[in-house]
């Protein structure tokens, strides 16, 4: 009889012990893949790409103008108009120097903007907020960056939340 009572007490207490014991679940994420996939879609990157395209269009336009002036200079030399050829040569030189300076300045500005984009705290906060949301919703206690942790020898693809994080970030960005 005592055995039955202990068994019943033990069976009734067992669920309490099991529920009190929390199982730690891990997830992994490839942060470089997240950055590459989502960063491309962000507003700041689109602005950067538009600015870069405008600079390239300006460079192309100035290069065409210089080529046209060179062609005019060649024609003036063929026609024996040395005064016009010298004037065009001077104009070509000025425009070429301006183009060099413009290109150097705009390249430096674009590189600075690109650096700021990759270190943007707003962008990083957005990624980390989404990581937290996905991890909490899926019951993960810890998320490890797959590329930074050298101790990971093996992991199940089932715990890789990279694609889910990217999808969530992209759906938020499109809203």
N, C-alpha and C. Protein backbone atom coordinates (compact mmCIF):
# COMPACT_ATOMS: atom_id res chain seq x y z
N UNK A 1 0.81 -1.18 0.00
CA UNK A 1 0.00 0.00 0.00
C UNK A 1 0.87 1.27 0.00
N UNK A 2 1.93 1.23 0.84
CA UNK A 2 2.84 2.37 0.90
C UNK A 2 3.49 2.59 -0.46
N UNK A 3 3.82 1.52 -1.17
CA UNK A 3 4.44 1.64 -2.48
C UNK A 3 3.51 2.33 -3.47
N UNK A 4 2.26 1.99 -3.40
CA UNK A 4 1.29 2.58 -4.32
C UNK A 4 1.14 4.07 -4.02
N UNK A 5 1.09 4.44 -2.76
CA UNK A 5 0.97 5.85 -2.39
C UNK A 5 2.21 6.62 -2.85
N UNK A 6 3.41 6.08 -2.61
CA UNK A 6 4.63 6.74 -3.07
C UNK A 6 4.68 6.84 -4.59
N UNK A 7 4.21 5.81 -5.25
CA UNK A 7 4.18 5.83 -6.71
C UNK A 7 3.22 6.90 -7.21
N UNK A 8 2.04 7.01 -6.59
CA UNK A 8 1.08 8.05 -6.99
C UNK A 8 1.63 9.44 -6.71
N UNK A 9 2.25 9.63 -5.57
CA UNK A 9 2.85 10.92 -5.24
C UNK A 9 3.97 11.23 -6.23
N UNK A 10 4.80 10.25 -6.50
CA UNK A 10 5.90 10.43 -7.44
C UNK A 10 5.41 10.79 -8.82
N UNK A 11 4.36 10.11 -9.29
CA UNK A 11 3.82 10.40 -10.62
C UNK A 11 3.14 11.77 -10.67
N UNK A 12 2.55 12.19 -9.57
CA UNK A 12 1.90 13.51 -9.56
C UNK A 12 2.93 14.64 -9.46
N UNK A 13 4.07 14.39 -8.84
CA UNK A 13 5.12 15.41 -8.68
C UNK A 13 6.03 15.46 -9.91
N UNK A 14 6.15 14.38 -10.64
CA UNK A 14 7.03 14.30 -11.80
C UNK A 14 6.77 15.41 -12.83
N UNK A 15 5.51 15.68 -13.21
CA UNK A 15 5.29 16.78 -14.17
C UNK A 15 5.78 18.14 -13.65
N UNK A 16 5.68 18.36 -12.37
CA UNK A 16 6.15 19.62 -11.79
C UNK A 16 7.66 19.74 -11.98
N UNK A 17 8.39 18.67 -11.71
CA UNK A 17 9.85 18.69 -11.89
C UNK A 17 10.22 18.85 -13.36
N UNK A 18 9.51 18.17 -14.22
CA UNK A 18 9.82 18.26 -15.65
C UNK A 18 9.53 19.65 -16.20
N UNK A 19 8.45 20.26 -15.76
CA UNK A 19 8.14 21.60 -16.27
C UNK A 19 9.07 22.64 -15.68
N UNK A 20 9.59 22.40 -14.49
CA UNK A 20 10.51 23.35 -13.86
C UNK A 20 11.87 23.34 -14.55
N UNK A 21 12.21 22.24 -15.17
CA UNK A 21 13.50 22.13 -15.84
C UNK A 21 13.37 22.70 -17.25
N UNK A 22 14.07 23.79 -17.52
CA UNK A 22 13.99 24.45 -18.82
C UNK A 22 15.08 23.91 -19.72
N UNK A 23 14.69 23.59 -20.93
CA UNK A 23 15.65 23.09 -21.91
C UNK A 23 16.15 24.29 -22.72
N UNK A 24 17.45 24.42 -22.80
CA UNK A 24 18.05 25.50 -23.57
C UNK A 24 18.12 25.08 -25.03
N UNK A 25 17.54 25.93 -25.88
CA UNK A 25 17.56 25.66 -27.32
C UNK A 25 18.43 26.70 -27.99
N UNK A 26 19.28 26.25 -28.89
CA UNK A 26 20.19 27.12 -29.61
C UNK A 26 19.74 27.26 -31.06
N UNK A 27 20.10 28.39 -31.64
CA UNK A 27 19.90 28.59 -33.08
C UNK A 27 21.19 29.19 -33.62
N UNK A 28 21.39 29.04 -34.89
CA UNK A 28 22.54 29.68 -35.54
C UNK A 28 22.03 30.56 -36.65
N UNK A 29 22.80 31.61 -36.95
CA UNK A 29 22.45 32.52 -38.03
C UNK A 29 23.75 32.94 -38.71
N UNK A 30 23.71 33.02 -40.01
CA UNK A 30 24.86 33.48 -40.80
C UNK A 30 24.67 34.98 -41.01
N UNK A 31 25.27 35.78 -40.12
CA UNK A 31 25.08 37.22 -40.15
C UNK A 31 25.57 37.85 -41.45
N UNK A 32 26.65 37.33 -42.02
CA UNK A 32 27.13 37.91 -43.27
C UNK A 32 26.10 37.71 -44.39
N UNK A 33 25.42 36.58 -44.37
CA UNK A 33 24.37 36.33 -45.36
C UNK A 33 23.18 37.28 -45.14
N UNK A 34 22.84 37.51 -43.87
CA UNK A 34 21.76 38.44 -43.55
C UNK A 34 22.11 39.84 -44.04
N UNK A 35 23.33 40.30 -43.72
CA UNK A 35 23.76 41.62 -44.14
C UNK A 35 23.71 41.75 -45.66
N UNK A 36 24.26 40.76 -46.34
CA UNK A 36 24.32 40.81 -47.80
C UNK A 36 22.92 40.84 -48.41
N UNK A 37 22.04 39.98 -47.92
CA UNK A 37 20.70 39.88 -48.50
C UNK A 37 19.83 41.09 -48.15
N UNK A 38 19.82 41.46 -46.89
CA UNK A 38 18.91 42.53 -46.48
C UNK A 38 19.49 43.91 -46.76
N UNK A 39 20.77 44.06 -46.55
CA UNK A 39 21.41 45.36 -46.71
C UNK A 39 21.17 45.90 -48.11
N UNK A 40 21.19 44.99 -49.08
CA UNK A 40 20.94 45.37 -50.47
C UNK A 40 19.56 45.98 -50.64
N UNK A 41 18.60 45.52 -49.85
CA UNK A 41 17.21 45.94 -49.99
C UNK A 41 16.86 47.18 -49.17
N UNK A 42 17.75 47.64 -48.32
CA UNK A 42 17.41 48.74 -47.43
C UNK A 42 17.35 50.07 -48.18
N UNK A 43 16.61 51.00 -47.64
CA UNK A 43 16.42 52.33 -48.24
C UNK A 43 17.75 53.06 -48.37
N UNK A 44 18.56 52.99 -47.32
CA UNK A 44 19.85 53.68 -47.33
C UNK A 44 20.74 53.18 -48.46
N UNK A 45 20.71 51.88 -48.71
CA UNK A 45 21.53 51.31 -49.79
C UNK A 45 20.98 51.72 -51.15
N UNK A 46 19.67 51.73 -51.26
CA UNK A 46 19.09 52.19 -52.54
C UNK A 46 19.48 53.64 -52.81
N UNK A 47 19.46 54.48 -51.77
CA UNK A 47 19.89 55.88 -51.93
C UNK A 47 21.36 55.94 -52.36
N UNK A 48 22.19 55.11 -51.74
CA UNK A 48 23.61 55.07 -52.09
C UNK A 48 23.78 54.66 -53.55
N UNK A 49 23.06 53.64 -53.97
CA UNK A 49 23.17 53.17 -55.35
C UNK A 49 22.69 54.22 -56.34
N UNK A 50 21.63 54.95 -55.99
CA UNK A 50 21.14 56.02 -56.87
C UNK A 50 22.19 57.13 -56.98
N UNK A 51 22.78 57.49 -55.85
CA UNK A 51 23.81 58.53 -55.86
C UNK A 51 25.02 58.08 -56.69
N UNK A 52 25.40 56.83 -56.51
CA UNK A 52 26.52 56.28 -57.26
C UNK A 52 26.22 56.30 -58.76
N UNK A 53 24.99 55.97 -59.14
CA UNK A 53 24.60 55.97 -60.55
C UNK A 53 24.62 57.40 -61.11
N UNK A 54 24.19 58.38 -60.31
CA UNK A 54 24.23 59.78 -60.77
C UNK A 54 25.67 60.24 -61.00
N UNK A 55 26.55 59.87 -60.08
CA UNK A 55 27.96 60.23 -60.24
C UNK A 55 28.52 59.59 -61.51
N UNK A 56 28.22 58.32 -61.72
CA UNK A 56 28.71 57.64 -62.92
C UNK A 56 28.16 58.28 -64.18
N UNK A 57 26.89 58.69 -64.15
CA UNK A 57 26.29 59.36 -65.31
C UNK A 57 27.00 60.69 -65.59
N UNK A 58 27.33 61.42 -64.53
CA UNK A 58 28.06 62.69 -64.70
C UNK A 58 29.45 62.44 -65.29
N UNK A 59 30.12 61.42 -64.79
CA UNK A 59 31.46 61.09 -65.31
C UNK A 59 31.37 60.70 -66.78
N UNK A 60 30.38 59.88 -67.12
CA UNK A 60 30.20 59.48 -68.52
C UNK A 60 29.91 60.68 -69.42
N UNK A 61 29.05 61.60 -68.94
CA UNK A 61 28.71 62.79 -69.72
C UNK A 61 29.95 63.66 -69.95
N UNK A 62 30.73 63.88 -68.88
CA UNK A 62 31.94 64.71 -69.03
C UNK A 62 32.96 64.04 -69.94
N UNK A 63 33.07 62.74 -69.87
CA UNK A 63 34.00 62.00 -70.73
C UNK A 63 33.58 62.15 -72.20
N UNK A 64 32.29 62.06 -72.47
CA UNK A 64 31.79 62.25 -73.85
C UNK A 64 32.10 63.66 -74.34
N UNK A 65 31.90 64.65 -73.46
CA UNK A 65 32.19 66.03 -73.84
C UNK A 65 33.67 66.19 -74.21
N UNK A 66 34.53 65.59 -73.41
CA UNK A 66 35.97 65.67 -73.69
C UNK A 66 36.29 64.98 -75.01
N UNK A 67 35.68 63.83 -75.27
CA UNK A 67 35.90 63.12 -76.53
C UNK A 67 35.44 63.95 -77.72
N UNK A 68 34.31 64.62 -77.57
CA UNK A 68 33.80 65.49 -78.64
C UNK A 68 34.75 66.66 -78.90
N UNK A 69 35.28 67.23 -77.80
CA UNK A 69 36.24 68.33 -77.96
C UNK A 69 37.52 67.84 -78.66
N UNK A 70 37.97 66.63 -78.31
CA UNK A 70 39.16 66.07 -78.97
C UNK A 70 38.90 65.86 -80.45
N UNK A 71 37.71 65.42 -80.77
CA UNK A 71 37.36 65.22 -82.17
C UNK A 71 37.34 66.57 -82.90
N UNK A 72 36.77 67.58 -82.27
CA UNK A 72 36.75 68.93 -82.86
C UNK A 72 38.15 69.46 -83.02
N UNK A 73 39.02 69.19 -82.04
CA UNK A 73 40.41 69.64 -82.12
C UNK A 73 41.11 68.98 -83.30
N UNK A 74 40.89 67.69 -83.47
CA UNK A 74 41.50 66.98 -84.61
C UNK A 74 41.02 67.57 -85.93
N UNK A 75 39.74 67.86 -86.03
CA UNK A 75 39.18 68.46 -87.24
C UNK A 75 39.78 69.84 -87.50
N UNK A 76 39.94 70.62 -86.43
CA UNK A 76 40.54 71.97 -86.57
C UNK A 76 41.98 71.85 -87.05
N UNK A 77 42.72 70.88 -86.54
CA UNK A 77 44.12 70.69 -86.97
C UNK A 77 44.17 70.26 -88.43
N UNK A 78 43.25 69.39 -88.84
CA UNK A 78 43.19 68.95 -90.24
C UNK A 78 42.86 70.10 -91.17
N UNK A 79 42.05 71.02 -90.71
CA UNK A 79 41.65 72.16 -91.53
C UNK A 79 42.67 73.30 -91.45
N UNK A 80 43.67 73.14 -90.63
CA UNK A 80 44.72 74.15 -90.52
C UNK A 80 44.36 75.32 -89.63
N UNK A 81 43.33 75.19 -88.82
CA UNK A 81 42.91 76.26 -87.91
C UNK A 81 43.62 76.05 -86.57
N UNK A 82 44.87 76.49 -86.50
CA UNK A 82 45.68 76.24 -85.29
C UNK A 82 45.18 77.03 -84.09
N UNK A 83 44.61 78.21 -84.33
CA UNK A 83 44.08 79.00 -83.22
C UNK A 83 42.94 78.26 -82.51
N UNK A 84 42.03 77.71 -83.30
CA UNK A 84 40.91 76.94 -82.75
C UNK A 84 41.42 75.67 -82.08
N UNK A 85 42.41 75.03 -82.67
CA UNK A 85 42.98 73.79 -82.11
C UNK A 85 43.61 74.05 -80.75
N UNK A 86 44.33 75.17 -80.60
CA UNK A 86 44.97 75.53 -79.32
C UNK A 86 43.90 75.84 -78.27
N UNK A 87 42.87 76.59 -78.69
CA UNK A 87 41.78 76.92 -77.77
C UNK A 87 41.08 75.65 -77.28
N UNK A 88 40.82 74.71 -78.21
CA UNK A 88 40.18 73.44 -77.84
C UNK A 88 41.08 72.60 -76.94
N UNK A 89 42.38 72.63 -77.21
CA UNK A 89 43.33 71.88 -76.38
C UNK A 89 43.30 72.40 -74.94
N UNK A 90 43.24 73.72 -74.78
CA UNK A 90 43.16 74.33 -73.46
C UNK A 90 41.86 73.92 -72.75
N UNK A 91 40.78 73.93 -73.49
CA UNK A 91 39.48 73.55 -72.93
C UNK A 91 39.47 72.07 -72.54
N UNK A 92 40.08 71.24 -73.37
CA UNK A 92 40.18 69.80 -73.07
C UNK A 92 40.97 69.60 -71.78
N UNK A 93 42.06 70.31 -71.65
CA UNK A 93 42.90 70.19 -70.45
C UNK A 93 42.11 70.58 -69.20
N UNK A 94 41.40 71.72 -69.25
CA UNK A 94 40.62 72.18 -68.10
C UNK A 94 39.54 71.18 -67.73
N UNK A 95 38.83 70.69 -68.73
CA UNK A 95 37.75 69.73 -68.45
C UNK A 95 38.31 68.40 -67.95
N UNK A 96 39.45 67.98 -68.47
CA UNK A 96 40.07 66.73 -67.99
C UNK A 96 40.50 66.84 -66.54
N UNK A 97 41.09 67.98 -66.19
CA UNK A 97 41.51 68.20 -64.81
C UNK A 97 40.30 68.26 -63.87
N UNK A 98 39.24 68.94 -64.33
CA UNK A 98 38.02 69.00 -63.53
C UNK A 98 37.45 67.60 -63.32
N UNK A 99 37.43 66.81 -64.40
CA UNK A 99 36.91 65.45 -64.32
C UNK A 99 37.71 64.62 -63.32
N UNK A 100 39.04 64.73 -63.35
CA UNK A 100 39.88 63.99 -62.40
C UNK A 100 39.55 64.36 -60.96
N UNK A 101 39.45 65.66 -60.70
CA UNK A 101 39.14 66.13 -59.34
C UNK A 101 37.73 65.70 -58.92
N UNK A 102 36.79 65.86 -59.83
CA UNK A 102 35.41 65.46 -59.56
C UNK A 102 35.33 63.98 -59.22
N UNK A 103 35.99 63.17 -60.02
CA UNK A 103 35.97 61.72 -59.80
C UNK A 103 36.61 61.37 -58.46
N UNK A 104 37.74 61.99 -58.16
CA UNK A 104 38.43 61.72 -56.90
C UNK A 104 37.56 62.11 -55.71
N UNK A 105 36.96 63.28 -55.76
CA UNK A 105 36.12 63.77 -54.68
C UNK A 105 34.88 62.91 -54.49
N UNK A 106 34.18 62.62 -55.56
CA UNK A 106 32.93 61.83 -55.48
C UNK A 106 33.21 60.39 -55.06
N UNK A 107 34.33 59.83 -55.51
CA UNK A 107 34.70 58.47 -55.09
C UNK A 107 34.94 58.44 -53.58
N UNK A 108 35.63 59.45 -53.07
CA UNK A 108 35.89 59.52 -51.63
C UNK A 108 34.57 59.67 -50.85
N UNK A 109 33.66 60.52 -51.35
CA UNK A 109 32.37 60.70 -50.70
C UNK A 109 31.57 59.39 -50.68
N UNK A 110 31.56 58.70 -51.83
CA UNK A 110 30.82 57.44 -51.92
C UNK A 110 31.41 56.38 -51.00
N UNK A 111 32.73 56.31 -50.93
CA UNK A 111 33.37 55.35 -50.03
C UNK A 111 33.04 55.65 -48.57
N UNK A 112 33.02 56.92 -48.22
CA UNK A 112 32.68 57.31 -46.86
C UNK A 112 31.23 56.94 -46.55
N UNK A 113 30.33 57.20 -47.49
CA UNK A 113 28.92 56.85 -47.29
C UNK A 113 28.76 55.34 -47.17
N UNK A 114 29.49 54.58 -47.98
CA UNK A 114 29.42 53.13 -47.93
C UNK A 114 29.90 52.60 -46.58
N UNK A 115 30.96 53.19 -46.07
CA UNK A 115 31.50 52.79 -44.77
C UNK A 115 30.48 53.07 -43.66
N UNK A 116 29.86 54.24 -43.72
CA UNK A 116 28.86 54.60 -42.73
C UNK A 116 27.66 53.66 -42.79
N UNK A 117 27.29 53.27 -44.00
CA UNK A 117 26.16 52.35 -44.16
C UNK A 117 26.44 51.01 -43.48
N UNK A 118 27.62 50.49 -43.69
CA UNK A 118 27.93 49.17 -43.13
C UNK A 118 28.06 49.19 -41.62
N UNK A 119 28.27 50.39 -41.04
CA UNK A 119 28.40 50.50 -39.59
C UNK A 119 27.19 51.19 -38.98
N UNK A 120 26.14 51.35 -39.73
CA UNK A 120 24.94 52.06 -39.27
C UNK A 120 24.31 51.36 -38.08
N UNK A 121 24.17 52.09 -36.99
CA UNK A 121 23.58 51.51 -35.79
C UNK A 121 22.09 51.23 -36.02
N UNK A 122 21.43 52.05 -36.82
CA UNK A 122 20.02 51.83 -37.11
C UNK A 122 19.83 50.49 -37.82
N UNK A 123 20.67 50.25 -38.80
CA UNK A 123 20.59 48.99 -39.54
C UNK A 123 20.86 47.81 -38.61
N UNK A 124 21.92 47.91 -37.81
CA UNK A 124 22.27 46.83 -36.89
C UNK A 124 21.17 46.59 -35.86
N UNK A 125 20.59 47.66 -35.36
CA UNK A 125 19.49 47.52 -34.41
C UNK A 125 18.31 46.79 -35.04
N UNK A 126 18.03 47.11 -36.27
CA UNK A 126 16.92 46.47 -36.98
C UNK A 126 17.18 44.97 -37.13
N UNK A 127 18.40 44.61 -37.48
CA UNK A 127 18.75 43.20 -37.64
C UNK A 127 18.67 42.49 -36.29
N UNK A 128 19.23 43.08 -35.24
CA UNK A 128 19.21 42.43 -33.93
C UNK A 128 17.79 42.34 -33.36
N UNK A 129 16.96 43.35 -33.62
CA UNK A 129 15.56 43.26 -33.17
C UNK A 129 14.85 42.10 -33.85
N UNK A 130 15.10 41.93 -35.13
CA UNK A 130 14.46 40.83 -35.85
C UNK A 130 14.99 39.48 -35.38
N UNK A 131 16.29 39.41 -35.09
CA UNK A 131 16.86 38.17 -34.54
C UNK A 131 16.18 37.81 -33.22
N UNK A 132 16.03 38.81 -32.35
CA UNK A 132 15.40 38.58 -31.06
C UNK A 132 13.96 38.09 -31.25
N UNK A 133 13.23 38.73 -32.14
CA UNK A 133 11.83 38.36 -32.39
C UNK A 133 11.73 36.92 -32.89
N UNK A 134 12.54 36.56 -33.87
CA UNK A 134 12.50 35.20 -34.41
C UNK A 134 12.88 34.20 -33.33
N UNK A 135 13.93 34.49 -32.58
CA UNK A 135 14.38 33.57 -31.54
C UNK A 135 13.32 33.38 -30.46
N UNK A 136 12.71 34.46 -30.02
CA UNK A 136 11.68 34.35 -28.98
C UNK A 136 10.45 33.63 -29.49
N UNK A 137 10.03 33.93 -30.72
CA UNK A 137 8.84 33.27 -31.29
C UNK A 137 9.07 31.78 -31.50
N UNK A 138 10.29 31.38 -31.82
CA UNK A 138 10.58 29.97 -32.08
C UNK A 138 11.12 29.25 -30.85
N UNK A 139 11.23 29.94 -29.73
CA UNK A 139 11.63 29.31 -28.48
C UNK A 139 13.12 29.07 -28.31
N UNK A 140 13.95 29.86 -28.96
CA UNK A 140 15.40 29.70 -28.81
C UNK A 140 15.89 30.57 -27.66
N UNK A 141 16.77 30.02 -26.85
CA UNK A 141 17.34 30.76 -25.73
C UNK A 141 18.59 31.52 -26.14
N UNK A 142 19.25 31.04 -27.18
CA UNK A 142 20.51 31.64 -27.60
C UNK A 142 20.65 31.50 -29.11
N UNK A 143 21.19 32.57 -29.74
CA UNK A 143 21.46 32.55 -31.18
C UNK A 143 22.94 32.85 -31.36
N UNK A 144 23.62 31.98 -32.08
CA UNK A 144 25.05 32.13 -32.33
C UNK A 144 25.28 32.52 -33.77
N UNK A 145 26.27 33.41 -33.98
CA UNK A 145 26.66 33.78 -35.33
C UNK A 145 27.51 32.65 -35.88
N UNK A 146 27.05 32.02 -36.91
CA UNK A 146 27.69 30.83 -37.46
C UNK A 146 29.13 31.08 -37.88
N UNK A 147 29.42 32.26 -38.40
CA UNK A 147 30.76 32.55 -38.91
C UNK A 147 31.74 32.98 -37.82
N UNK A 148 31.23 33.49 -36.69
CA UNK A 148 32.11 33.98 -35.64
C UNK A 148 32.47 32.94 -34.59
N UNK A 149 31.66 31.92 -34.46
CA UNK A 149 31.90 30.93 -33.41
C UNK A 149 32.69 29.77 -33.99
N UNK A 150 33.93 29.68 -33.57
CA UNK A 150 34.81 28.62 -34.09
C UNK A 150 34.55 27.28 -33.40
N UNK A 151 33.81 27.30 -32.31
CA UNK A 151 33.55 26.07 -31.56
C UNK A 151 32.44 25.22 -32.14
N UNK A 152 31.71 25.73 -33.12
CA UNK A 152 30.63 24.94 -33.71
C UNK A 152 31.24 23.96 -34.70
N UNK A 153 31.17 22.70 -34.35
CA UNK A 153 31.71 21.66 -35.23
C UNK A 153 30.62 21.08 -36.12
N UNK A 154 29.40 21.10 -35.62
CA UNK A 154 28.28 20.58 -36.38
C UNK A 154 27.02 21.24 -35.86
N UNK A 155 26.05 21.42 -36.73
CA UNK A 155 24.73 21.89 -36.31
C UNK A 155 23.71 21.35 -37.29
N UNK A 156 22.50 21.21 -36.81
CA UNK A 156 21.42 20.74 -37.65
C UNK A 156 20.88 21.93 -38.45
N UNK A 157 20.64 21.76 -39.72
CA UNK A 157 20.07 22.85 -40.52
C UNK A 157 18.72 23.32 -39.96
N UNK A 158 18.08 22.50 -39.15
CA UNK A 158 16.79 22.88 -38.56
C UNK A 158 16.92 24.06 -37.61
N UNK A 159 18.10 24.30 -37.06
CA UNK A 159 18.27 25.42 -36.13
C UNK A 159 18.86 26.65 -36.79
N UNK A 160 19.08 26.59 -38.10
CA UNK A 160 19.61 27.75 -38.84
C UNK A 160 18.44 28.67 -39.17
N UNK A 161 18.39 29.84 -38.56
CA UNK A 161 17.28 30.77 -38.75
C UNK A 161 17.64 31.91 -39.71
N UNK A 162 18.72 31.79 -40.43
CA UNK A 162 19.19 32.85 -41.32
C UNK A 162 18.13 33.26 -42.34
N UNK A 163 17.59 32.30 -43.06
CA UNK A 163 16.62 32.62 -44.11
C UNK A 163 15.34 33.24 -43.54
N UNK A 164 14.93 32.77 -42.38
CA UNK A 164 13.73 33.31 -41.74
C UNK A 164 13.95 34.78 -41.35
N UNK A 165 15.12 35.08 -40.81
CA UNK A 165 15.45 36.46 -40.42
C UNK A 165 15.46 37.35 -41.67
N UNK A 166 16.07 36.87 -42.75
CA UNK A 166 16.13 37.65 -44.00
C UNK A 166 14.71 37.91 -44.52
N UNK A 167 13.88 36.88 -44.54
CA UNK A 167 12.51 37.04 -45.03
C UNK A 167 11.74 38.06 -44.19
N UNK A 168 11.89 37.99 -42.88
CA UNK A 168 11.19 38.92 -42.00
C UNK A 168 11.67 40.35 -42.21
N UNK A 169 12.97 40.52 -42.35
CA UNK A 169 13.52 41.86 -42.58
C UNK A 169 13.03 42.43 -43.91
N UNK A 170 13.00 41.60 -44.94
CA UNK A 170 12.56 42.06 -46.25
C UNK A 170 11.08 42.39 -46.24
N UNK A 171 10.28 41.61 -45.54
CA UNK A 171 8.84 41.91 -45.49
C UNK A 171 8.60 43.20 -44.71
N UNK A 172 9.37 43.44 -43.66
CA UNK A 172 9.24 44.70 -42.91
C UNK A 172 9.68 45.88 -43.75
N UNK A 173 10.73 45.71 -44.53
CA UNK A 173 11.25 46.81 -45.36
C UNK A 173 10.28 47.18 -46.46
N UNK A 174 9.51 46.23 -46.95
CA UNK A 174 8.58 46.51 -48.05
C UNK A 174 7.30 47.17 -47.56
N UNK A 175 7.08 47.16 -46.24
CA UNK A 175 5.86 47.81 -45.71
C UNK A 175 5.96 49.29 -45.72
